[in-house]
């Protein structure tokens, strides 16, 4: 199991790996990933990671997909004239 923890930690640390992808690969929820990170990282490293991923679109695939679709409809400044 610790081998899986190493993989989970490595992927969770990477900004582009979403919690949904971790769920598919390892069958762990976002809360479980947070617990794994909390128990296996130094306190400062964990805080840094949480600060970085908190609210990050790339960590939440659905949020990322929804917001990306809205960004396609943003009005460009040159279109307003």
C-alpha atoms as a PDB file:
ATOM      1  CA  UNK A   1       0.000   0.000   0.000  1.00  0.00           C
ATOM      2  CA  UNK A   2       2.869   2.406   0.699  1.00  0.00           C
ATOM      3  CA  UNK A   3       3.924   1.994  -2.934  1.00  0.00           C
ATOM      4  CA  UNK A   4       0.499   3.313  -3.942  1.00  0.00           C
ATOM      5  CA  UNK A   5       0.867   6.156  -1.432  1.00  0.00           C
ATOM      6  CA  UNK A   6       4.111   7.166  -3.114  1.00  0.00           C
ATOM      7  CA  UNK A   7       2.384   7.246  -6.502  1.00  0.00           C
ATOM      8  CA  UNK A   8      -0.629   9.106  -5.109  1.00  0.00           C
ATOM      9  CA  UNK A   9       1.609  11.697  -3.436  1.00  0.00           C
ATOM     10  CA  UNK A  10       3.684  12.149  -6.573  1.00  0.00           C
ATOM     11  CA  UNK A  11       0.600  12.619  -8.750  1.00  0.00           C
ATOM     12  CA  UNK A  12      -1.231  14.804  -6.208  1.00  0.00           C
ATOM     13  CA  UNK A  13       1.809  17.076  -5.929  1.00  0.00           C
ATOM     14  CA  UNK A  14       1.729  17.585  -9.691  1.00  0.00           C
ATOM     15  CA  UNK A  15      -0.557  20.522 -10.487  1.00  0.00           C
ATOM     16  CA  UNK A  16      -2.094  19.046 -13.621  1.00  0.00           C
ATOM     17  CA  UNK A  17      -3.349  15.805 -12.038  1.00  0.00           C
ATOM     18  CA  UNK A  18      -6.971  16.236 -10.980  1.00  0.00           C
ATOM     19  CA  UNK A  19      -8.574  14.622  -7.948  1.00  0.00           C
ATOM     20  CA  UNK A  20     -10.956  12.920 -10.372  1.00  0.00           C
ATOM     21  CA  UNK A  21      -8.035  11.260 -12.129  1.00  0.00           C
ATOM     22  CA  UNK A  22      -6.645  10.048  -8.791  1.00  0.00           C
ATOM     23  CA  UNK A  23     -10.080   8.637  -7.996  1.00  0.00           C
ATOM     24  CA  UNK A  24     -10.126   6.709 -11.287  1.00  0.00           C
ATOM     25  CA  UNK A  25      -6.595   5.365 -10.943  1.00  0.00           C
ATOM     26  CA  UNK A  26      -6.446   4.560  -7.223  1.00  0.00           C
ATOM     27  CA  UNK A  27     -10.086   4.702  -6.048  1.00  0.00           C
ATOM     28  CA  UNK A  28      -9.356   7.382  -3.421  1.00  0.00           C
ATOM     29  CA  UNK A  29     -11.532  10.420  -2.804  1.00  0.00           C
ATOM     30  CA  UNK A  30     -10.281  13.984  -2.503  1.00  0.00           C
ATOM     31  CA  UNK A  31     -10.597  13.767   1.289  1.00  0.00           C
ATOM     32  CA  UNK A  32      -8.536  10.567   1.342  1.00  0.00           C
ATOM     33  CA  UNK A  33      -5.843  12.182  -0.821  1.00  0.00           C
ATOM     34  CA  UNK A  34      -5.696  15.103   1.617  1.00  0.00           C
ATOM     35  CA  UNK A  35      -5.337  12.680   4.558  1.00  0.00           C
ATOM     36  CA  UNK A  36      -2.581  10.776   2.756  1.00  0.00           C
ATOM     37  CA  UNK A  37      -0.753  14.003   2.003  1.00  0.00           C
ATOM     38  CA  UNK A  38      -1.189  15.249   5.594  1.00  0.00           C
ATOM     39  CA  UNK A  39       0.217  12.080   7.161  1.00  0.00           C
ATOM     40  CA  UNK A  40       3.105  11.562   4.723  1.00  0.00           C
ATOM     41  CA  UNK A  41       4.395  15.084   4.122  1.00  0.00           C
ATOM     42  CA  UNK A  42       6.159  17.422   6.493  1.00  0.00           C
ATOM     43  CA  UNK A  43       3.789  19.999   7.963  1.00  0.00           C
ATOM     44  CA  UNK A  44       5.266  22.867   5.943  1.00  0.00           C
ATOM     45  CA  UNK A  45       5.157  20.854   2.693  1.00  0.00           C
ATOM     46  CA  UNK A  46       1.547  19.914   3.339  1.00  0.00           C
ATOM     47  CA  UNK A  47       0.564  23.540   3.993  1.00  0.00           C
ATOM     48  CA  UNK A  48       2.352  24.653   0.843  1.00  0.00           C
ATOM     49  CA  UNK A  49       0.551  22.005  -1.209  1.00  0.00           C
ATOM     50  CA  UNK A  50      -2.869  22.845   0.284  1.00  0.00           C
ATOM     51  CA  UNK A  51      -2.351  26.544  -0.350  1.00  0.00           C
ATOM     52  CA  UNK A  52      -1.370  25.797  -3.941  1.00  0.00           C
ATOM     53  CA  UNK A  53      -4.224  23.409  -4.794  1.00  0.00           C
ATOM     54  CA  UNK A  54      -7.009  25.048  -2.811  1.00  0.00           C
ATOM     55  CA  UNK A  55      -9.566  26.178  -5.380  1.00  0.00           C
ATOM     56  CA  UNK A  56      -7.275  25.350  -8.305  1.00  0.00           C
ATOM     57  CA  UNK A  57      -9.286  24.515 -11.430  1.00  0.00           C
ATOM     58  CA  UNK A  58      -6.854  21.879 -12.662  1.00  0.00           C
ATOM     59  CA  UNK A  59      -7.361  19.860  -9.479  1.00  0.00           C
ATOM     60  CA  UNK A  60     -11.105  19.687 -10.121  1.00  0.00           C
ATOM     61  CA  UNK A  61     -11.775  18.376 -13.598  1.00  0.00           C
ATOM     62  CA  UNK A  62     -15.458  19.361 -13.711  1.00  0.00           C
ATOM     63  CA  UNK A  63     -14.718  22.931 -12.599  1.00  0.00           C
ATOM     64  CA  UNK A  64     -11.948  23.109 -15.145  1.00  0.00           C
ATOM     65  CA  UNK A  65     -14.190  21.904 -17.986  1.00  0.00           C
ATOM     66  CA  UNK A  66     -17.048  24.254 -17.059  1.00  0.00           C
ATOM     67  CA  UNK A  67     -14.846  27.338 -16.679  1.00  0.00           C
ATOM     68  CA  UNK A  68     -12.942  26.547 -19.864  1.00  0.00           C
ATOM     69  CA  UNK A  69     -16.189  26.467 -21.829  1.00  0.00           C
ATOM     70  CA  UNK A  70     -17.130  29.902 -20.450  1.00  0.00           C
ATOM     71  CA  UNK A  71     -13.718  31.320 -21.314  1.00  0.00           C
ATOM     72  CA  UNK A  72     -14.392  30.525 -24.966  1.00  0.00           C
ATOM     73  CA  UNK A  73     -17.292  33.002 -24.858  1.00  0.00           C
ATOM     74  CA  UNK A  74     -15.430  35.914 -23.278  1.00  0.00           C
ATOM     75  CA  UNK A  75     -15.742  39.127 -25.258  1.00  0.00           C
ATOM     76  CA  UNK A  76     -12.402  40.331 -26.499  1.00  0.00           C
ATOM     77  CA  UNK A  77     -11.614  44.024 -26.083  1.00  0.00           C
ATOM     78  CA  UNK A  78     -11.194  44.483 -29.816  1.00  0.00           C
ATOM     79  CA  UNK A  79     -14.731  43.098 -30.410  1.00  0.00           C
ATOM     80  CA  UNK A  80     -16.386  45.831 -28.326  1.00  0.00           C
ATOM     81  CA  UNK A  81     -15.659  48.731 -30.683  1.00  0.00           C
END
